[in-house]
């Protein structure tokens, strides 16, 4: 079981929460759920209804579409952040590569936190904007080939 301070330090290291005050991060840390996984275990499949985000405390996660690997994520990476804002289906699958400890943020308690803490909502919006811009650049580069 992780200490509250360990969770706050992990959250502070993530781009999504880098501008969030520690007092607010302590509130976010309180809604984190710890989940342990074994190698090869599926976290979710493409097409599953999404309602949570994950942060990797220990281990590695493969994000993939079928056999095509989209990303290998490691400690201090996060994924599924879109699921904090809507309940659309997952666009890819996630599989554990080695024994891992993930921290899960469920949508409902996160919504409640965003209502009272605008800093949390701003962090999510900034992260989504960064990822959208990066995807736009990638699309332009591919269309110029």
Protein backbone atom coordinates (compact mmCIF):
# COMPACT_ATOMS: atom_id res chain seq x y z
CA UNK A 1 0.00 0.00 0.00
CA UNK A 2 1.43 3.37 -1.07
CA UNK A 3 1.63 6.32 1.27
CA UNK A 4 -0.32 9.47 0.45
CA UNK A 5 2.96 11.39 -0.01
CA UNK A 6 4.19 8.79 -2.56
CA UNK A 7 0.99 9.24 -4.55
CA UNK A 8 1.24 13.05 -4.40
CA UNK A 9 4.87 12.95 -5.60
CA UNK A 10 3.90 10.65 -8.47
CA UNK A 11 0.99 12.91 -9.48
CA UNK A 12 3.24 15.99 -9.33
CA UNK A 13 5.66 14.31 -11.78
CA UNK A 14 2.93 13.89 -14.42
CA UNK A 15 2.41 16.56 -17.08
CA UNK A 16 -1.33 16.37 -16.50
CA UNK A 17 -0.92 17.57 -12.88
CA UNK A 18 2.35 19.56 -13.01
CA UNK A 19 0.66 22.90 -12.30
CA UNK A 20 -1.72 21.55 -9.67
CA UNK A 21 -0.99 22.62 -6.06
CA UNK A 22 0.04 19.86 -3.62
CA UNK A 23 -3.07 20.42 -1.50
CA UNK A 24 -5.24 19.58 -4.52
CA UNK A 25 -2.98 16.67 -5.46
CA UNK A 26 -3.59 15.23 -2.01
CA UNK A 27 -7.30 15.21 -2.85
CA UNK A 28 -6.60 13.49 -6.17
CA UNK A 29 -4.35 10.98 -4.37
CA UNK A 30 -7.22 10.04 -2.08
CA UNK A 31 -9.38 8.87 -5.00
CA UNK A 32 -6.61 6.72 -6.55
CA UNK A 33 -7.16 2.97 -6.45
CA UNK A 34 -4.15 0.65 -6.46
CA UNK A 35 -4.34 -2.36 -8.80
CA UNK A 36 -1.71 -5.07 -9.20
CA UNK A 37 -1.34 -6.98 -12.47
CA UNK A 38 0.67 -9.97 -13.71
CA UNK A 39 2.53 -10.15 -17.04
CA UNK A 40 0.19 -10.78 -19.96
CA UNK A 41 -2.90 -9.59 -18.15
CA UNK A 42 -5.31 -7.40 -20.15
CA UNK A 43 -6.31 -4.11 -18.52
CA UNK A 44 -8.94 -3.41 -21.16
CA UNK A 45 -9.78 -4.17 -24.78
CA UNK A 46 -10.52 -1.85 -27.68
CA UNK A 47 -14.27 -1.35 -27.74
CA UNK A 48 -14.73 -1.63 -23.95
CA UNK A 49 -16.71 1.18 -22.34
CA UNK A 50 -14.21 3.56 -20.76
CA UNK A 51 -14.67 5.23 -17.38
CA UNK A 52 -11.19 5.52 -15.83
CA UNK A 53 -7.58 6.56 -16.36
CA UNK A 54 -4.45 4.69 -15.26
CA UNK A 55 -1.05 5.82 -13.98
CA UNK A 56 1.86 3.38 -14.02
CA UNK A 57 3.60 3.35 -10.64
CA UNK A 58 5.66 0.22 -11.43
CA UNK A 59 5.93 -1.90 -14.58
CA UNK A 60 5.19 -1.59 -18.29
CA UNK A 61 2.02 -1.49 -20.37
CA UNK A 62 1.63 -2.11 -24.08
CA UNK A 63 -1.05 -0.06 -25.85
CA UNK A 64 -2.05 -1.86 -29.03
CA UNK A 65 -4.59 -2.32 -31.79
CA UNK A 66 -4.67 -6.07 -32.35
CA UNK A 67 -1.06 -7.13 -32.90
CA UNK A 68 0.08 -3.59 -33.85
CA UNK A 69 1.88 -1.89 -30.93
CA UNK A 70 1.01 1.79 -30.59
CA UNK A 71 3.10 2.53 -27.49
CA UNK A 72 5.04 0.93 -24.66
CA UNK A 73 4.42 2.91 -21.48
CA UNK A 74 6.62 2.77 -18.39
CA UNK A 75 6.69 4.09 -14.83
CA UNK A 76 5.22 7.59 -14.43
CA UNK A 77 3.31 7.34 -17.73
CA UNK A 78 -0.46 7.58 -17.83
CA UNK A 79 -3.13 6.49 -20.28
CA UNK A 80 -6.88 6.56 -20.72
CA UNK A 81 -7.22 10.22 -19.74
CA UNK A 82 -9.96 10.78 -22.33
CA UNK A 83 -12.07 8.40 -20.28
CA UNK A 84 -12.15 10.90 -17.45
CA UNK A 85 -14.20 13.23 -19.64
CA UNK A 86 -16.52 10.91 -21.55
CA UNK A 87 -17.68 7.30 -21.56
CA UNK A 88 -16.91 6.45 -25.16
CA UNK A 89 -15.39 3.09 -25.95
CA UNK A 90 -11.65 2.43 -25.74
CA UNK A 91 -9.82 3.07 -29.03
CA UNK A 92 -7.06 0.54 -28.26
CA UNK A 93 -6.26 -2.34 -25.93
CA UNK A 94 -3.84 -2.26 -22.98
CA UNK A 95 -1.84 -5.30 -21.83
CA UNK A 96 0.62 -5.65 -18.94
CA UNK A 97 4.17 -6.58 -20.03
CA UNK A 98 5.61 -7.36 -16.61
CA UNK A 99 4.40 -7.43 -13.02
CA UNK A 100 2.90 -3.97 -12.50
CA UNK A 101 1.26 -1.66 -10.01
CA UNK A 102 -1.16 0.83 -11.56
CA UNK A 103 -3.10 3.64 -9.96
CA UNK A 104 -6.61 4.03 -11.29
CA UNK A 105 -8.73 7.19 -11.29
CA UNK A 106 -12.44 6.55 -11.82
CA UNK A 107 -14.52 9.06 -13.74
CA UNK A 108 -17.25 9.79 -11.17
CA UNK A 109 -15.03 10.85 -8.23
CA UNK A 110 -12.82 12.73 -10.70
CA UNK A 111 -15.85 14.70 -11.98
CA UNK A 112 -16.68 15.63 -8.40
CA UNK A 113 -13.12 16.81 -7.85
CA UNK A 114 -13.11 18.86 -11.09
CA UNK A 115 -16.29 20.65 -10.01
CA UNK A 116 -14.57 22.07 -6.94
CA UNK A 117 -10.98 22.28 -8.24
CA UNK A 118 -10.58 24.10 -11.56
CA UNK A 119 -6.82 23.38 -11.56
CA UNK A 120 -7.56 19.70 -12.14
CA UNK A 121 -9.80 20.44 -15.14
CA UNK A 122 -7.16 22.79 -16.59
CA UNK A 123 -4.51 20.07 -16.34
CA UNK A 124 -6.66 17.60 -18.27
CA UNK A 125 -7.49 20.19 -20.94
CA UNK A 126 -3.82 21.16 -21.41
CA UNK A 127 -2.78 17.52 -21.74
CA UNK A 128 -5.46 16.80 -24.31
CA UNK A 129 -4.49 19.91 -26.29
CA UNK A 130 -0.80 18.85 -26.32
CA UNK A 131 -1.70 15.38 -27.55
CA UNK A 132 -4.07 16.76 -30.20
CA UNK A 133 -1.40 19.16 -31.48
CA UNK A 134 1.15 16.35 -31.64
CA UNK A 135 -1.32 14.22 -33.59
CA UNK A 136 -2.00 17.11 -35.98
CA UNK A 137 1.75 17.50 -36.64
CA UNK A 138 2.04 13.76 -37.24
CA UNK A 139 -0.91 13.84 -39.68
CA UNK A 140 0.60 16.75 -41.62
CA UNK A 141 3.98 14.99 -41.81
CA UNK A 142 2.37 11.79 -43.08
CA UNK A 143 0.32 13.65 -45.71
CA UNK A 144 3.49 15.36 -46.99
CA UNK A 145 5.21 12.03 -47.69
